[in-house]
Amino acid sequence: CMDIEVSPPVDYFTSITLCADLLKKVCDNKNFLDIHTAQILTQILPVLVNGPPEDSTEDSYVHYYLLPLLSWVFSTNPLLNMKWANGK
């Protein structure tokens, strides 16, 4: 992940490529925490690089930026689940 700070992606394609490479690398190492971190990064980095759509609202902010983090937490335990106010 430190590579991102040294050479940050500038567009959607480079962010996805960087994340795919990172995900492959951590999957080969079989480190559970690194795998989840790379998975979250794959979902959130393109939004951080490109920004959310212009029609974003408060709910959209939660979905774009917090959903990847919350999904990871809730997917680690089958006793946990989440229900969104708007039905997602």
C-alpha atoms as a PDB file:
ATOM      1  CA  CYS A   1       0.000   0.000   0.000  1.00  0.00           C
ATOM      2  CA  MET A   2       2.930   2.336   0.493  1.00  0.00           C
ATOM      3  CA  ASP A   3       3.380   2.353  -3.297  1.00  0.00           C
ATOM      4  CA  ILE A   4       0.143   4.308  -3.563  1.00  0.00           C
ATOM      5  CA  GLU A   5       1.635   7.181  -1.603  1.00  0.00           C
ATOM      6  CA  VAL A   6       4.829   7.191  -3.688  1.00  0.00           C
ATOM      7  CA  SER A   7       3.069   6.982  -7.043  1.00  0.00           C
ATOM      8  CA  PRO A   8      -0.664   7.710  -6.649  1.00  0.00           C
ATOM      9  CA  PRO A   9      -3.019   6.730  -9.454  1.00  0.00           C
ATOM     10  CA  VAL A  10      -4.365   9.604 -11.501  1.00  0.00           C
ATOM     11  CA  ASP A  11      -7.384   8.024 -13.156  1.00  0.00           C
ATOM     12  CA  TYR A  12      -9.819   5.117 -12.971  1.00  0.00           C
ATOM     13  CA  PHE A  13      -7.736   2.723 -15.083  1.00  0.00           C
ATOM     14  CA  THR A  14      -4.500   3.175 -13.132  1.00  0.00           C
ATOM     15  CA  SER A  15      -6.323   2.896  -9.801  1.00  0.00           C
ATOM     16  CA  ILE A  16      -8.010  -0.369 -10.814  1.00  0.00           C
ATOM     17  CA  THR A  17      -4.746  -1.747 -12.221  1.00  0.00           C
ATOM     18  CA  LEU A  18      -2.882  -0.871  -9.045  1.00  0.00           C
ATOM     19  CA  CYS A  19      -5.575  -2.467  -6.888  1.00  0.00           C
ATOM     20  CA  ALA A  20      -5.704  -5.611  -9.025  1.00  0.00           C
ATOM     21  CA  ASP A  21      -1.942  -6.031  -8.756  1.00  0.00           C
ATOM     22  CA  LEU A  22      -2.064  -5.497  -5.007  1.00  0.00           C
ATOM     23  CA  LEU A  23      -4.964  -7.931  -4.577  1.00  0.00           C
ATOM     24  CA  LYS A  24      -3.132 -10.621  -6.542  1.00  0.00           C
ATOM     25  CA  LYS A  25       0.011 -10.108  -4.458  1.00  0.00           C
ATOM     26  CA  VAL A  26      -1.754 -10.357  -1.092  1.00  0.00           C
ATOM     27  CA  CYS A  27      -3.835 -13.349  -2.205  1.00  0.00           C
ATOM     28  CA  ASP A  28      -0.620 -15.175  -3.044  1.00  0.00           C
ATOM     29  CA  ASN A  29       0.632 -14.428   0.504  1.00  0.00           C
ATOM     30  CA  LYS A  30      -2.699 -15.605   2.008  1.00  0.00           C
ATOM     31  CA  ASN A  31      -2.737 -12.860   4.646  1.00  0.00           C
ATOM     32  CA  PHE A  32      -6.398 -12.468   5.632  1.00  0.00           C
ATOM     33  CA  LEU A  33      -6.140  -8.847   6.796  1.00  0.00           C
ATOM     34  CA  ASP A  34      -4.152  -7.764   3.730  1.00  0.00           C
ATOM     35  CA  ILE A  35      -6.690  -9.477   1.454  1.00  0.00           C
ATOM     36  CA  HIS A  36      -9.581  -7.579   3.016  1.00  0.00           C
ATOM     37  CA  THR A  37      -7.624  -4.316   2.938  1.00  0.00           C
ATOM     38  CA  ALA A  38      -6.859  -4.774  -0.760  1.00  0.00           C
ATOM     39  CA  GLN A  39     -10.488  -5.687  -1.447  1.00  0.00           C
ATOM     40  CA  ILE A  40     -11.718  -2.512   0.271  1.00  0.00           C
ATOM     41  CA  LEU A  41      -9.105  -0.461  -1.554  1.00  0.00           C
ATOM     42  CA  THR A  42     -10.296  -1.899  -4.870  1.00  0.00           C
ATOM     43  CA  GLN A  43     -13.784  -0.626  -4.123  1.00  0.00           C
ATOM     44  CA  ILE A  44     -12.941   2.757  -2.653  1.00  0.00           C
ATOM     45  CA  LEU A  45      -9.781   3.961  -4.453  1.00  0.00           C
ATOM     46  CA  PRO A  46     -11.483   4.693  -7.819  1.00  0.00           C
ATOM     47  CA  VAL A  47     -14.062   6.834  -5.995  1.00  0.00           C
ATOM     48  CA  LEU A  48     -11.311   8.647  -4.102  1.00  0.00           C
ATOM     49  CA  VAL A  49      -9.406   9.283  -7.336  1.00  0.00           C
ATOM     50  CA  ASN A  50     -12.379  10.278  -9.519  1.00  0.00           C
ATOM     51  CA  GLY A  51     -14.717  11.611  -6.855  1.00  0.00           C
ATOM     52  CA  PRO A  52     -18.347  10.636  -6.467  1.00  0.00           C
ATOM     53  CA  PRO A  53     -20.954  11.492  -9.109  1.00  0.00           C
ATOM     54  CA  GLU A  54     -22.172  15.089  -8.994  1.00  0.00           C
ATOM     55  CA  ASP A  55     -25.646  14.087  -7.842  1.00  0.00           C
ATOM     56  CA  SER A  56     -24.274  12.647  -4.600  1.00  0.00           C
ATOM     57  CA  THR A  57     -26.339  13.107  -1.491  1.00  0.00           C
ATOM     58  CA  GLU A  58     -25.756  12.272   2.127  1.00  0.00           C
ATOM     59  CA  ASP A  59     -26.872   8.673   1.512  1.00  0.00           C
ATOM     60  CA  SER A  60     -24.590   8.415  -1.505  1.00  0.00           C
ATOM     61  CA  TYR A  61     -21.630   9.448   0.640  1.00  0.00           C
ATOM     62  CA  VAL A  62     -22.317   6.543   2.974  1.00  0.00           C
ATOM     63  CA  HIS A  63     -22.682   4.117   0.074  1.00  0.00           C
ATOM     64  CA  TYR A  64     -19.548   5.281  -1.769  1.00  0.00           C
ATOM     65  CA  TYR A  65     -17.169   5.659   1.157  1.00  0.00           C
ATOM     66  CA  LEU A  66     -18.472   3.639   4.092  1.00  0.00           C
ATOM     67  CA  LEU A  67     -20.129   0.657   2.398  1.00  0.00           C
ATOM     68  CA  PRO A  68     -16.809  -1.032   1.522  1.00  0.00           C
ATOM     69  CA  LEU A  69     -15.651  -0.747   5.128  1.00  0.00           C
ATOM     70  CA  LEU A  70     -18.954  -1.837   6.623  1.00  0.00           C
ATOM     71  CA  SER A  71     -19.319  -4.735   4.197  1.00  0.00           C
ATOM     72  CA  TRP A  72     -15.968  -6.101   5.290  1.00  0.00           C
ATOM     73  CA  VAL A  73     -16.873  -5.927   8.984  1.00  0.00           C
ATOM     74  CA  PHE A  74     -20.276  -7.500   8.505  1.00  0.00           C
ATOM     75  CA  SER A  75     -19.000 -10.227   6.181  1.00  0.00           C
ATOM     76  CA  THR A  76     -16.553 -11.559   8.776  1.00  0.00           C
ATOM     77  CA  ASN A  77     -19.261 -12.925  11.076  1.00  0.00           C
ATOM     78  CA  PRO A  78     -22.402 -14.752   9.903  1.00  0.00           C
ATOM     79  CA  LEU A  79     -24.289 -13.488  12.967  1.00  0.00           C
ATOM     80  CA  LEU A  80     -23.953  -9.911  11.739  1.00  0.00           C
ATOM     81  CA  ASN A  81     -26.017  -8.395   8.963  1.00  0.00           C
ATOM     82  CA  MET A  82     -26.870  -4.928   7.781  1.00  0.00           C
ATOM     83  CA  LYS A  83     -30.025  -3.430   6.408  1.00  0.00           C
ATOM     84  CA  TRP A  84     -30.032  -0.069   4.682  1.00  0.00           C
ATOM     85  CA  ALA A  85     -32.791   2.435   5.265  1.00  0.00           C
ATOM     86  CA  ASN A  86     -33.603   2.574   1.550  1.00  0.00           C
ATOM     87  CA  GLY A  87     -33.700  -1.204   1.179  1.00  0.00           C
ATOM     88  CA  LYS A  88     -30.231  -1.868  -0.273  1.00  0.00           C
END
